[in-house]
N, C-alpha and C. Protein backbone atom coordinates (compact mmCIF):
# COMPACT_ATOMS: atom_id res chain seq x y z
N MET A 1 15.05 6.09 7.17
CA MET A 1 14.07 6.05 6.10
C MET A 1 13.03 4.94 6.34
N VAL A 2 13.49 3.80 6.82
CA VAL A 2 12.57 2.70 7.14
C VAL A 2 11.56 3.15 8.19
N ARG A 3 12.03 3.85 9.22
CA ARG A 3 11.14 4.35 10.27
C ARG A 3 10.13 5.34 9.71
N SER A 4 10.54 6.19 8.76
CA SER A 4 9.64 7.16 8.16
C SER A 4 8.54 6.47 7.37
N ILE A 5 8.89 5.41 6.63
CA ILE A 5 7.88 4.66 5.89
C ILE A 5 6.96 3.93 6.86
N LEU A 6 7.52 3.40 7.93
CA LEU A 6 6.71 2.71 8.94
C LEU A 6 5.67 3.65 9.53
N GLU A 7 6.09 4.84 9.92
CA GLU A 7 5.20 5.76 10.63
C GLU A 7 4.22 6.47 9.72
N ASN A 8 4.56 6.62 8.43
CA ASN A 8 3.71 7.39 7.52
C ASN A 8 3.07 6.56 6.43
N GLY A 9 3.44 5.28 6.35
CA GLY A 9 2.86 4.43 5.35
C GLY A 9 3.57 4.54 4.02
N PRO A 10 3.06 3.83 2.99
CA PRO A 10 3.68 3.86 1.66
C PRO A 10 3.92 5.29 1.21
N SER A 11 5.13 5.60 0.77
CA SER A 11 5.54 6.99 0.50
C SER A 11 6.26 7.09 -0.84
N THR A 12 6.05 8.21 -1.51
CA THR A 12 6.79 8.48 -2.73
C THR A 12 8.20 8.93 -2.36
N ALA A 13 9.11 8.87 -3.34
CA ALA A 13 10.47 9.34 -3.09
C ALA A 13 10.47 10.82 -2.76
N ALA A 14 9.59 11.59 -3.41
CA ALA A 14 9.52 13.03 -3.14
C ALA A 14 9.06 13.30 -1.71
N ALA A 15 8.07 12.54 -1.23
CA ALA A 15 7.58 12.73 0.13
C ALA A 15 8.67 12.38 1.15
N LEU A 16 9.42 11.32 0.89
CA LEU A 16 10.52 10.95 1.78
C LEU A 16 11.59 12.03 1.82
N ALA A 17 11.92 12.57 0.65
CA ALA A 17 12.94 13.62 0.59
C ALA A 17 12.50 14.84 1.41
N GLU A 18 11.22 15.18 1.31
CA GLU A 18 10.71 16.34 2.05
C GLU A 18 10.72 16.09 3.55
N ARG A 19 10.25 14.91 3.97
CA ARG A 19 10.18 14.61 5.41
C ARG A 19 11.56 14.52 6.03
N LEU A 20 12.50 13.93 5.30
CA LEU A 20 13.83 13.68 5.86
C LEU A 20 14.82 14.80 5.55
N GLU A 21 14.33 15.80 4.77
CA GLU A 21 15.17 16.95 4.39
C GLU A 21 16.45 16.48 3.69
N LEU A 22 16.24 15.59 2.71
CA LEU A 22 17.34 15.07 1.90
C LEU A 22 17.10 15.44 0.44
N THR A 23 18.16 15.38 -0.35
CA THR A 23 18.00 15.62 -1.78
C THR A 23 17.35 14.40 -2.42
N ALA A 24 16.72 14.62 -3.58
CA ALA A 24 16.08 13.52 -4.30
C ALA A 24 17.10 12.44 -4.66
N ALA A 25 18.32 12.87 -5.01
CA ALA A 25 19.36 11.90 -5.39
C ALA A 25 19.75 11.03 -4.20
N ALA A 26 19.86 11.63 -3.02
CA ALA A 26 20.23 10.88 -1.82
C ALA A 26 19.14 9.86 -1.46
N VAL A 27 17.90 10.28 -1.59
CA VAL A 27 16.79 9.38 -1.29
C VAL A 27 16.78 8.21 -2.27
N ARG A 28 16.99 8.50 -3.54
CA ARG A 28 17.01 7.44 -4.55
C ARG A 28 18.11 6.42 -4.28
N ARG A 29 19.28 6.89 -3.90
CA ARG A 29 20.39 5.98 -3.60
C ARG A 29 20.04 5.07 -2.44
N HIS A 30 19.46 5.66 -1.40
CA HIS A 30 19.09 4.87 -0.22
C HIS A 30 17.99 3.88 -0.57
N LEU A 31 17.01 4.32 -1.35
CA LEU A 31 15.91 3.43 -1.73
C LEU A 31 16.42 2.27 -2.59
N ASP A 32 17.37 2.56 -3.47
CA ASP A 32 17.94 1.49 -4.31
C ASP A 32 18.57 0.40 -3.44
N LEU A 33 19.26 0.82 -2.38
CA LEU A 33 19.88 -0.15 -1.47
C LEU A 33 18.81 -0.97 -0.74
N LEU A 34 17.77 -0.29 -0.26
CA LEU A 34 16.69 -0.98 0.47
C LEU A 34 15.94 -1.94 -0.46
N LEU A 35 15.76 -1.53 -1.73
CA LEU A 35 15.11 -2.42 -2.70
C LEU A 35 15.97 -3.65 -2.96
N GLU A 36 17.26 -3.44 -3.09
CA GLU A 36 18.19 -4.54 -3.35
C GLU A 36 18.21 -5.53 -2.20
N GLU A 37 18.09 -5.02 -0.95
CA GLU A 37 18.11 -5.88 0.23
C GLU A 37 16.75 -6.49 0.52
N GLY A 38 15.73 -6.08 -0.24
CA GLY A 38 14.40 -6.63 -0.03
C GLY A 38 13.67 -6.05 1.17
N ILE A 39 14.14 -4.90 1.66
CA ILE A 39 13.52 -4.28 2.83
C ILE A 39 12.29 -3.47 2.43
N VAL A 40 12.32 -2.85 1.26
CA VAL A 40 11.16 -2.13 0.74
C VAL A 40 10.85 -2.66 -0.65
N GLU A 41 9.64 -2.38 -1.11
CA GLU A 41 9.25 -2.69 -2.47
C GLU A 41 8.52 -1.51 -3.06
N SER A 42 8.51 -1.40 -4.37
CA SER A 42 7.86 -0.30 -5.06
C SER A 42 6.58 -0.80 -5.70
N ARG A 43 5.53 -0.02 -5.58
CA ARG A 43 4.25 -0.39 -6.19
C ARG A 43 3.49 0.87 -6.56
N GLU A 44 2.45 0.73 -7.38
CA GLU A 44 1.63 1.88 -7.73
C GLU A 44 0.83 2.33 -6.52
N GLU A 45 0.70 3.63 -6.36
CA GLU A 45 -0.05 4.18 -5.22
C GLU A 45 -1.50 3.78 -5.34
N ARG A 46 -2.06 3.26 -4.25
CA ARG A 46 -3.46 2.88 -4.23
C ARG A 46 -4.31 4.13 -4.03
N VAL A 47 -5.28 4.35 -4.91
CA VAL A 47 -6.11 5.54 -4.85
C VAL A 47 -7.52 5.14 -4.44
N TYR A 48 -8.04 5.78 -3.40
CA TYR A 48 -9.41 5.54 -2.95
C TYR A 48 -10.30 6.65 -3.50
N GLY A 49 -11.44 6.25 -4.09
CA GLY A 49 -12.30 7.27 -4.68
C GLY A 49 -11.93 7.49 -6.13
N SER A 50 -12.22 8.72 -6.68
CA SER A 50 -11.95 8.99 -8.08
C SER A 50 -10.46 9.02 -8.36
N ARG A 51 -10.08 8.38 -9.44
CA ARG A 51 -8.67 8.31 -9.82
C ARG A 51 -8.26 9.61 -10.50
N ARG A 52 -7.10 10.12 -10.10
CA ARG A 52 -6.57 11.33 -10.73
C ARG A 52 -6.08 11.00 -12.13
N ARG A 53 -6.00 12.04 -12.98
CA ARG A 53 -5.49 11.87 -14.33
C ARG A 53 -3.99 11.58 -14.28
N GLY A 54 -3.52 10.88 -15.32
CA GLY A 54 -2.10 10.60 -15.39
C GLY A 54 -1.75 9.27 -14.76
N ARG A 55 -0.50 8.90 -14.90
CA ARG A 55 -0.01 7.63 -14.37
C ARG A 55 0.05 7.68 -12.84
N PRO A 56 -0.43 6.63 -12.16
CA PRO A 56 -0.35 6.63 -10.68
C PRO A 56 1.10 6.75 -10.21
N ALA A 57 1.28 7.43 -9.08
CA ALA A 57 2.62 7.61 -8.52
C ALA A 57 3.14 6.27 -8.01
N ARG A 58 4.46 6.13 -7.97
CA ARG A 58 5.11 4.96 -7.38
C ARG A 58 5.38 5.25 -5.91
N VAL A 59 5.01 4.33 -5.05
CA VAL A 59 5.27 4.48 -3.63
C VAL A 59 6.14 3.33 -3.15
N PHE A 60 6.82 3.56 -2.04
CA PHE A 60 7.70 2.55 -1.45
C PHE A 60 7.11 2.13 -0.11
N CYS A 61 7.00 0.84 0.10
CA CYS A 61 6.43 0.32 1.35
C CYS A 61 7.30 -0.81 1.87
N LEU A 62 7.16 -1.10 3.14
CA LEU A 62 7.96 -2.15 3.76
C LEU A 62 7.51 -3.54 3.32
N THR A 63 8.46 -4.42 3.11
CA THR A 63 8.16 -5.82 2.84
C THR A 63 8.11 -6.58 4.16
N ASP A 64 7.76 -7.86 4.09
CA ASP A 64 7.80 -8.70 5.30
C ASP A 64 9.21 -8.73 5.87
N THR A 65 10.21 -8.76 4.99
CA THR A 65 11.60 -8.76 5.45
C THR A 65 11.91 -7.47 6.20
N GLY A 66 11.41 -6.34 5.67
CA GLY A 66 11.63 -5.07 6.34
C GLY A 66 10.98 -5.01 7.70
N ARG A 67 9.81 -5.63 7.82
CA ARG A 67 9.11 -5.62 9.11
C ARG A 67 9.72 -6.59 10.10
N ASP A 68 10.41 -7.60 9.59
CA ASP A 68 10.99 -8.62 10.47
C ASP A 68 11.94 -8.02 11.49
N GLY A 69 12.62 -6.95 11.14
CA GLY A 69 13.59 -6.36 12.06
C GLY A 69 12.97 -5.44 13.07
N LEU A 70 11.65 -5.36 13.12
CA LEU A 70 11.00 -4.41 14.01
C LEU A 70 10.49 -5.11 15.28
N ASP A 71 9.24 -5.54 15.28
CA ASP A 71 8.65 -6.03 16.53
C ASP A 71 8.14 -7.46 16.47
N HIS A 72 8.81 -8.35 15.73
CA HIS A 72 8.28 -9.70 15.56
C HIS A 72 9.05 -10.76 16.34
N GLN A 73 9.83 -10.35 17.35
CA GLN A 73 10.66 -11.34 18.02
C GLN A 73 9.86 -12.39 18.79
N TYR A 74 8.59 -12.09 19.10
CA TYR A 74 7.79 -13.04 19.85
C TYR A 74 6.79 -13.79 18.97
N ASP A 75 6.90 -13.63 17.65
CA ASP A 75 5.93 -14.24 16.75
C ASP A 75 5.87 -15.76 16.88
N ALA A 76 7.01 -16.40 16.89
CA ALA A 76 7.04 -17.86 16.94
C ALA A 76 6.35 -18.37 18.19
N LEU A 77 6.63 -17.74 19.33
CA LEU A 77 6.00 -18.15 20.58
C LEU A 77 4.50 -17.94 20.53
N ALA A 78 4.06 -16.79 19.98
CA ALA A 78 2.63 -16.49 19.91
C ALA A 78 1.91 -17.48 19.00
N VAL A 79 2.51 -17.80 17.87
CA VAL A 79 1.89 -18.75 16.94
C VAL A 79 1.78 -20.13 17.59
N ASP A 80 2.83 -20.56 18.26
CA ASP A 80 2.79 -21.87 18.93
C ASP A 80 1.69 -21.90 19.99
N ALA A 81 1.56 -20.80 20.75
CA ALA A 81 0.55 -20.75 21.81
C ALA A 81 -0.86 -20.81 21.22
N LEU A 82 -1.10 -20.07 20.13
CA LEU A 82 -2.42 -20.06 19.52
C LEU A 82 -2.73 -21.40 18.84
N ARG A 83 -1.71 -22.02 18.27
CA ARG A 83 -1.93 -23.36 17.70
C ARG A 83 -2.35 -24.35 18.78
N PHE A 84 -1.69 -24.29 19.92
CA PHE A 84 -2.03 -25.17 21.03
C PHE A 84 -3.46 -24.88 21.49
N LEU A 85 -3.80 -23.58 21.58
CA LEU A 85 -5.14 -23.20 22.01
C LEU A 85 -6.19 -23.71 21.02
N SER A 86 -5.89 -23.63 19.72
CA SER A 86 -6.82 -24.11 18.70
C SER A 86 -6.99 -25.62 18.77
N GLU A 87 -5.88 -26.32 19.01
CA GLU A 87 -5.94 -27.78 19.05
C GLU A 87 -6.68 -28.30 20.27
N THR A 88 -6.54 -27.59 21.39
CA THR A 88 -7.15 -28.07 22.64
C THR A 88 -8.53 -27.49 22.90
N GLY A 89 -8.77 -26.26 22.43
CA GLY A 89 -10.06 -25.61 22.71
C GLY A 89 -10.89 -25.31 21.48
N GLY A 90 -10.33 -25.54 20.29
CA GLY A 90 -11.08 -25.27 19.06
C GLY A 90 -10.98 -23.81 18.64
N GLU A 91 -11.56 -23.54 17.46
CA GLU A 91 -11.52 -22.18 16.91
C GLU A 91 -12.23 -21.18 17.82
N GLU A 92 -13.24 -21.64 18.55
CA GLU A 92 -13.96 -20.73 19.45
C GLU A 92 -13.03 -20.19 20.54
N ALA A 93 -12.10 -21.02 20.97
CA ALA A 93 -11.16 -20.57 22.00
C ALA A 93 -10.23 -19.49 21.46
N VAL A 94 -9.80 -19.63 20.21
CA VAL A 94 -8.94 -18.62 19.60
C VAL A 94 -9.71 -17.31 19.45
N THR A 95 -10.97 -17.40 19.02
CA THR A 95 -11.80 -16.21 18.86
C THR A 95 -12.01 -15.52 20.20
N ALA A 96 -12.26 -16.30 21.26
CA ALA A 96 -12.45 -15.73 22.59
C ALA A 96 -11.18 -15.04 23.07
N PHE A 97 -10.04 -15.65 22.79
CA PHE A 97 -8.77 -15.03 23.16
C PHE A 97 -8.58 -13.71 22.42
N ALA A 98 -8.88 -13.69 21.11
CA ALA A 98 -8.71 -12.48 20.31
C ALA A 98 -9.57 -11.35 20.85
N ARG A 99 -10.81 -11.66 21.23
CA ARG A 99 -11.70 -10.63 21.77
C ARG A 99 -11.21 -10.16 23.14
N ARG A 100 -10.76 -11.10 23.96
CA ARG A 100 -10.27 -10.74 25.29
C ARG A 100 -9.06 -9.82 25.19
N ARG A 101 -8.22 -10.07 24.18
CA ARG A 101 -7.01 -9.26 23.98
C ARG A 101 -7.35 -7.80 23.71
N MET A 102 -8.50 -7.56 23.07
CA MET A 102 -8.86 -6.19 22.69
C MET A 102 -9.76 -5.49 23.72
N GLU A 103 -10.15 -6.21 24.78
CA GLU A 103 -11.10 -5.64 25.74
C GLU A 103 -10.59 -4.35 26.39
N SER A 104 -9.31 -4.30 26.70
CA SER A 104 -8.78 -3.13 27.39
C SER A 104 -8.72 -1.89 26.51
N LEU A 105 -8.91 -2.06 25.21
CA LEU A 105 -8.84 -0.93 24.29
C LEU A 105 -9.91 0.11 24.62
N GLU A 106 -11.09 -0.35 25.00
CA GLU A 106 -12.19 0.57 25.28
C GLU A 106 -11.88 1.45 26.49
N GLY A 107 -11.30 0.85 27.54
CA GLY A 107 -10.95 1.65 28.71
C GLY A 107 -9.89 2.69 28.40
N GLU A 108 -8.89 2.32 27.60
CA GLU A 108 -7.86 3.27 27.21
C GLU A 108 -8.45 4.38 26.35
N PHE A 109 -9.41 4.03 25.50
CA PHE A 109 -10.08 5.02 24.65
C PHE A 109 -10.82 6.04 25.51
N ASP A 110 -11.61 5.56 26.48
CA ASP A 110 -12.39 6.46 27.34
C ASP A 110 -11.48 7.40 28.12
N GLU A 111 -10.39 6.88 28.61
CA GLU A 111 -9.46 7.70 29.39
C GLU A 111 -8.83 8.80 28.54
N LEU A 112 -8.40 8.46 27.34
CA LEU A 112 -7.77 9.45 26.48
C LEU A 112 -8.79 10.44 25.93
N ALA A 113 -10.01 9.98 25.64
CA ALA A 113 -11.05 10.88 25.15
C ALA A 113 -11.38 11.95 26.17
N ALA A 114 -11.38 11.58 27.46
CA ALA A 114 -11.64 12.55 28.52
C ALA A 114 -10.49 13.55 28.65
N ALA A 115 -9.28 13.08 28.43
CA ALA A 115 -8.11 13.95 28.57
C ALA A 115 -7.88 14.82 27.34
N ARG A 116 -8.34 14.37 26.16
CA ARG A 116 -8.11 15.11 24.92
C ARG A 116 -9.43 15.37 24.20
N PRO A 117 -10.30 16.23 24.75
CA PRO A 117 -11.62 16.45 24.15
C PRO A 117 -11.56 17.10 22.76
N GLU A 118 -10.42 17.67 22.40
CA GLU A 118 -10.32 18.32 21.09
C GLU A 118 -10.20 17.31 19.95
N LEU A 119 -9.91 16.05 20.28
CA LEU A 119 -9.75 15.03 19.26
C LEU A 119 -11.09 14.39 18.91
N SER A 120 -11.26 14.02 17.65
CA SER A 120 -12.45 13.26 17.25
C SER A 120 -12.32 11.84 17.78
N PRO A 121 -13.43 11.10 17.87
CA PRO A 121 -13.33 9.72 18.34
C PRO A 121 -12.34 8.88 17.54
N ALA A 122 -12.32 9.05 16.21
CA ALA A 122 -11.39 8.27 15.39
C ALA A 122 -9.95 8.65 15.71
N GLN A 123 -9.69 9.94 15.94
CA GLN A 123 -8.34 10.38 16.28
C GLN A 123 -7.90 9.86 17.64
N VAL A 124 -8.84 9.81 18.59
CA VAL A 124 -8.53 9.24 19.90
C VAL A 124 -8.13 7.77 19.74
N LEU A 125 -8.90 7.04 18.96
CA LEU A 125 -8.61 5.63 18.75
C LEU A 125 -7.25 5.44 18.08
N ALA A 126 -6.92 6.33 17.13
CA ALA A 126 -5.62 6.25 16.46
C ALA A 126 -4.49 6.46 17.47
N GLU A 127 -4.68 7.39 18.39
CA GLU A 127 -3.66 7.63 19.42
C GLU A 127 -3.48 6.39 20.30
N VAL A 128 -4.59 5.78 20.69
CA VAL A 128 -4.52 4.59 21.55
C VAL A 128 -3.81 3.45 20.82
N LEU A 129 -4.15 3.25 19.56
CA LEU A 129 -3.52 2.19 18.79
C LEU A 129 -2.03 2.48 18.58
N SER A 130 -1.68 3.75 18.39
CA SER A 130 -0.27 4.11 18.23
C SER A 130 0.52 3.79 19.48
N GLN A 131 -0.10 3.99 20.64
CA GLN A 131 0.57 3.66 21.90
C GLN A 131 0.81 2.16 22.01
N ARG A 132 0.04 1.38 21.27
CA ARG A 132 0.23 -0.07 21.26
C ARG A 132 1.16 -0.54 20.13
N GLY A 133 1.73 0.41 19.40
CA GLY A 133 2.70 0.06 18.38
C GLY A 133 2.16 -0.06 16.97
N PHE A 134 0.91 0.43 16.73
CA PHE A 134 0.31 0.28 15.41
C PHE A 134 0.56 1.47 14.48
N ALA A 135 1.21 2.53 14.95
CA ALA A 135 1.52 3.70 14.12
C ALA A 135 0.29 4.13 13.33
N ALA A 136 -0.78 4.47 14.04
CA ALA A 136 -2.07 4.75 13.40
C ALA A 136 -2.29 6.24 13.19
N ALA A 137 -3.08 6.57 12.16
CA ALA A 137 -3.45 7.95 11.87
C ALA A 137 -4.81 7.91 11.18
N VAL A 138 -5.43 9.09 11.08
CA VAL A 138 -6.76 9.20 10.48
C VAL A 138 -6.68 10.04 9.21
N ARG A 139 -7.28 9.52 8.14
CA ARG A 139 -7.36 10.25 6.87
C ARG A 139 -8.81 10.66 6.65
N GLN A 140 -9.02 11.93 6.29
CA GLN A 140 -10.37 12.44 6.07
C GLN A 140 -10.77 12.28 4.61
N LEU A 141 -11.94 11.68 4.36
CA LEU A 141 -12.53 11.57 3.04
C LEU A 141 -13.92 12.20 3.08
N PRO A 142 -14.52 12.50 1.92
CA PRO A 142 -15.82 13.19 1.93
C PRO A 142 -16.91 12.48 2.73
N MET A 143 -17.03 11.18 2.58
CA MET A 143 -18.13 10.45 3.22
C MET A 143 -17.68 9.57 4.38
N ALA A 144 -16.39 9.51 4.64
CA ALA A 144 -15.89 8.62 5.68
C ALA A 144 -14.52 9.06 6.16
N GLU A 145 -14.14 8.53 7.30
CA GLU A 145 -12.77 8.64 7.78
C GLU A 145 -12.10 7.29 7.57
N GLN A 146 -10.80 7.31 7.35
CA GLN A 146 -10.05 6.06 7.23
C GLN A 146 -9.04 5.99 8.36
N LEU A 147 -9.14 4.94 9.14
CA LEU A 147 -8.16 4.66 10.18
C LEU A 147 -7.06 3.83 9.54
N CYS A 148 -5.87 4.40 9.45
CA CYS A 148 -4.75 3.75 8.76
C CYS A 148 -3.70 3.34 9.79
N GLN A 149 -3.45 2.05 9.90
CA GLN A 149 -2.43 1.53 10.81
C GLN A 149 -1.23 1.11 9.97
N GLN A 150 -0.15 1.90 10.08
CA GLN A 150 1.00 1.70 9.22
C GLN A 150 1.87 0.51 9.64
N HIS A 151 1.63 0.00 10.83
CA HIS A 151 2.42 -1.13 11.33
C HIS A 151 1.51 -2.04 12.14
N CYS A 152 1.81 -3.31 12.12
CA CYS A 152 1.06 -4.27 12.94
C CYS A 152 2.05 -5.17 13.66
N PRO A 153 2.17 -5.04 14.97
CA PRO A 153 3.12 -5.85 15.73
C PRO A 153 2.82 -7.34 15.69
N VAL A 154 1.60 -7.71 15.29
CA VAL A 154 1.23 -9.14 15.28
C VAL A 154 0.87 -9.61 13.88
N ALA A 155 1.39 -8.93 12.85
CA ALA A 155 1.00 -9.24 11.47
C ALA A 155 1.27 -10.69 11.11
N HIS A 156 2.45 -11.22 11.48
CA HIS A 156 2.79 -12.60 11.11
C HIS A 156 1.86 -13.59 11.82
N VAL A 157 1.47 -13.28 13.03
CA VAL A 157 0.56 -14.16 13.77
C VAL A 157 -0.84 -14.08 13.15
N ALA A 158 -1.28 -12.85 12.83
CA ALA A 158 -2.62 -12.66 12.27
C ALA A 158 -2.75 -13.28 10.89
N ALA A 159 -1.64 -13.45 10.17
CA ALA A 159 -1.70 -14.10 8.87
C ALA A 159 -2.21 -15.53 8.99
N GLU A 160 -1.87 -16.20 10.10
CA GLU A 160 -2.35 -17.57 10.32
C GLU A 160 -3.64 -17.58 11.12
N PHE A 161 -3.84 -16.57 11.97
CA PHE A 161 -5.03 -16.52 12.81
C PHE A 161 -5.78 -15.21 12.56
N PRO A 162 -6.62 -15.17 11.50
CA PRO A 162 -7.35 -13.94 11.15
C PRO A 162 -8.32 -13.49 12.22
N GLN A 163 -8.57 -14.34 13.22
CA GLN A 163 -9.46 -13.93 14.32
C GLN A 163 -8.93 -12.67 15.01
N LEU A 164 -7.61 -12.46 15.01
CA LEU A 164 -7.04 -11.27 15.63
C LEU A 164 -7.51 -10.01 14.91
N CYS A 165 -7.49 -10.05 13.57
CA CYS A 165 -7.96 -8.91 12.79
C CYS A 165 -9.47 -8.72 12.95
N GLU A 166 -10.20 -9.84 12.93
CA GLU A 166 -11.66 -9.76 13.03
C GLU A 166 -12.09 -9.17 14.37
N ALA A 167 -11.43 -9.58 15.46
CA ALA A 167 -11.77 -9.05 16.77
C ALA A 167 -11.43 -7.57 16.86
N GLU A 168 -10.30 -7.18 16.28
CA GLU A 168 -9.91 -5.77 16.30
C GLU A 168 -10.94 -4.92 15.57
N THR A 169 -11.38 -5.37 14.39
CA THR A 169 -12.39 -4.63 13.62
C THR A 169 -13.70 -4.53 14.40
N GLU A 170 -14.08 -5.62 15.04
CA GLU A 170 -15.32 -5.64 15.84
C GLU A 170 -15.25 -4.64 16.98
N VAL A 171 -14.12 -4.59 17.67
CA VAL A 171 -13.98 -3.67 18.81
C VAL A 171 -13.94 -2.22 18.33
N ILE A 172 -13.29 -1.96 17.19
CA ILE A 172 -13.27 -0.61 16.65
C ILE A 172 -14.70 -0.12 16.41
N GLY A 173 -15.53 -0.98 15.81
CA GLY A 173 -16.92 -0.61 15.58
C GLY A 173 -17.69 -0.38 16.87
N GLN A 174 -17.45 -1.22 17.88
CA GLN A 174 -18.13 -1.06 19.16
C GLN A 174 -17.75 0.26 19.83
N ILE A 175 -16.47 0.58 19.81
CA ILE A 175 -16.00 1.80 20.45
C ILE A 175 -16.56 3.04 19.77
N LEU A 176 -16.58 3.03 18.45
CA LEU A 176 -17.03 4.21 17.70
C LEU A 176 -18.55 4.25 17.52
N GLY A 177 -19.21 3.15 17.85
CA GLY A 177 -20.67 3.13 17.80
C GLY A 177 -21.25 3.14 16.40
N ARG A 178 -20.56 2.52 15.45
CA ARG A 178 -21.07 2.44 14.09
C ARG A 178 -20.43 1.25 13.37
N HIS A 179 -21.04 0.88 12.25
CA HIS A 179 -20.49 -0.23 11.47
C HIS A 179 -19.27 0.26 10.71
N VAL A 180 -18.17 -0.43 10.85
CA VAL A 180 -16.95 -0.07 10.13
C VAL A 180 -16.59 -1.21 9.18
N GLN A 181 -15.78 -0.89 8.19
CA GLN A 181 -15.39 -1.90 7.19
C GLN A 181 -13.88 -1.92 7.03
N ARG A 182 -13.30 -3.10 7.19
CA ARG A 182 -11.86 -3.27 7.00
C ARG A 182 -11.59 -3.42 5.51
N LEU A 183 -10.81 -2.50 4.96
CA LEU A 183 -10.51 -2.49 3.53
C LEU A 183 -9.23 -3.24 3.20
N ALA A 184 -8.27 -3.23 4.10
CA ALA A 184 -6.98 -3.85 3.82
C ALA A 184 -6.29 -4.18 5.13
N THR A 185 -5.43 -5.20 5.11
CA THR A 185 -4.66 -5.55 6.30
C THR A 185 -3.23 -5.92 5.90
N ILE A 186 -2.30 -5.57 6.76
CA ILE A 186 -0.90 -5.94 6.55
C ILE A 186 -0.76 -7.46 6.57
N ALA A 187 -1.55 -8.10 7.41
CA ALA A 187 -1.46 -9.57 7.54
C ALA A 187 -1.78 -10.28 6.23
N HIS A 188 -2.57 -9.64 5.38
CA HIS A 188 -2.95 -10.25 4.10
C HIS A 188 -2.15 -9.68 2.94
N GLY A 189 -1.04 -8.99 3.24
CA GLY A 189 -0.15 -8.55 2.19
C GLY A 189 -0.30 -7.12 1.75
N ASP A 190 -1.20 -6.36 2.36
CA ASP A 190 -1.36 -4.95 2.02
C ASP A 190 -0.30 -4.12 2.74
N GLY A 191 -0.05 -2.92 2.23
CA GLY A 191 0.97 -2.08 2.84
C GLY A 191 0.55 -1.44 4.14
N VAL A 192 -0.76 -1.41 4.41
CA VAL A 192 -1.27 -0.74 5.60
C VAL A 192 -2.62 -1.35 5.95
N CYS A 193 -2.94 -1.40 7.24
CA CYS A 193 -4.27 -1.82 7.67
C CYS A 193 -5.20 -0.61 7.56
N THR A 194 -6.25 -0.73 6.78
CA THR A 194 -7.14 0.40 6.53
C THR A 194 -8.56 0.04 6.90
N THR A 195 -9.17 0.87 7.75
CA THR A 195 -10.55 0.66 8.18
C THR A 195 -11.37 1.88 7.82
N SER A 196 -12.46 1.67 7.09
CA SER A 196 -13.35 2.77 6.70
C SER A 196 -14.38 3.00 7.80
N ILE A 197 -14.46 4.28 8.24
CA ILE A 197 -15.40 4.66 9.31
C ILE A 197 -16.38 5.66 8.72
N PRO A 198 -17.62 5.28 8.45
CA PRO A 198 -18.57 6.22 7.85
C PRO A 198 -18.85 7.39 8.79
N LYS A 199 -18.93 8.57 8.20
CA LYS A 199 -19.23 9.75 9.01
C LYS A 199 -20.70 9.74 9.40
N LEU A 200 -20.97 10.20 10.62
CA LEU A 200 -22.36 10.28 11.07
C LEU A 200 -23.07 11.37 10.31
N GLN A 201 -24.28 11.07 9.83
CA GLN A 201 -25.07 12.07 9.11
C GLN A 201 -25.66 13.08 10.08
N GLU A 202 -25.61 14.35 9.68
CA GLU A 202 -26.25 15.37 10.51
C GLU A 202 -27.76 15.19 10.48
N PRO A 203 -28.46 15.53 11.59
CA PRO A 203 -29.92 15.46 11.58
C PRO A 203 -30.48 16.34 10.47
N ILE A 204 -31.63 15.94 9.89
CA ILE A 204 -32.20 16.67 8.76
C ILE A 204 -32.50 18.12 9.13
N HIS A 205 -33.00 18.38 10.36
CA HIS A 205 -33.34 19.76 10.73
C HIS A 205 -32.10 20.62 10.82
N GLU A 206 -30.93 20.01 11.17
CA GLU A 206 -29.68 20.77 11.21
C GLU A 206 -29.25 21.11 9.79
N GLN A 207 -29.42 20.17 8.85
CA GLN A 207 -29.05 20.44 7.47
C GLN A 207 -29.91 21.53 6.89
N ASN A 208 -31.23 21.49 7.21
CA ASN A 208 -32.13 22.52 6.68
C ASN A 208 -31.80 23.88 7.27
N ARG A 209 -31.41 23.92 8.57
CA ARG A 209 -31.06 25.19 9.20
C ARG A 209 -29.87 25.81 8.50
N GLU A 210 -28.85 24.96 8.17
CA GLU A 210 -27.67 25.47 7.50
C GLU A 210 -28.00 25.97 6.10
N SER A 211 -28.90 25.27 5.39
CA SER A 211 -29.21 25.68 4.02
C SER A 211 -29.98 26.98 3.96
N HIS A 212 -30.66 27.34 5.07
CA HIS A 212 -31.43 28.60 5.09
C HIS A 212 -30.69 29.72 5.79
N SER A 213 -29.49 29.42 6.33
CA SER A 213 -28.75 30.47 7.03
C SER A 213 -27.97 31.32 6.05
């Protein structure tokens, strides 16, 4: 169940039951145990855009404790290294390191885009990020796409050094060729890292052609 929440993001009990092919009662029992152990927490579902009528659904998401058992074994070493870099080279050195860390992302993006032409640029980027352990997916909205990263292998490090998040957002915008906006990050306590990617507007003559067809 923890892996399902990790890969799919904050989930309702009903969604978990459907994905895992379990009864609602079995899911509730398991969730009660995870809540008691502090591995997951329950919160109101965050709604982007117009709010639906009725009470917001309750979703379950991983806590810091729940994420601790995943990919954070090198956090202490990484934090110590970045602290040393900050003390000896200043904040500019940390920023340069963060940007250097993301440089290879563009090459991986180009390679996968050539191999998977059926994917949109945002979907290609999600695949590349997933290969790096970010469990990323793309959500379609009327005016934008949302790149949702359900896990962050460096969340504890990025909480102290936000330059990692800033460099990642900058590179995402460079790769996709447009201004993107980071809406939420796991490092700052959100359940998922969410980046808004505005959809490219069709040329006016294309819109007019469609309206007259």
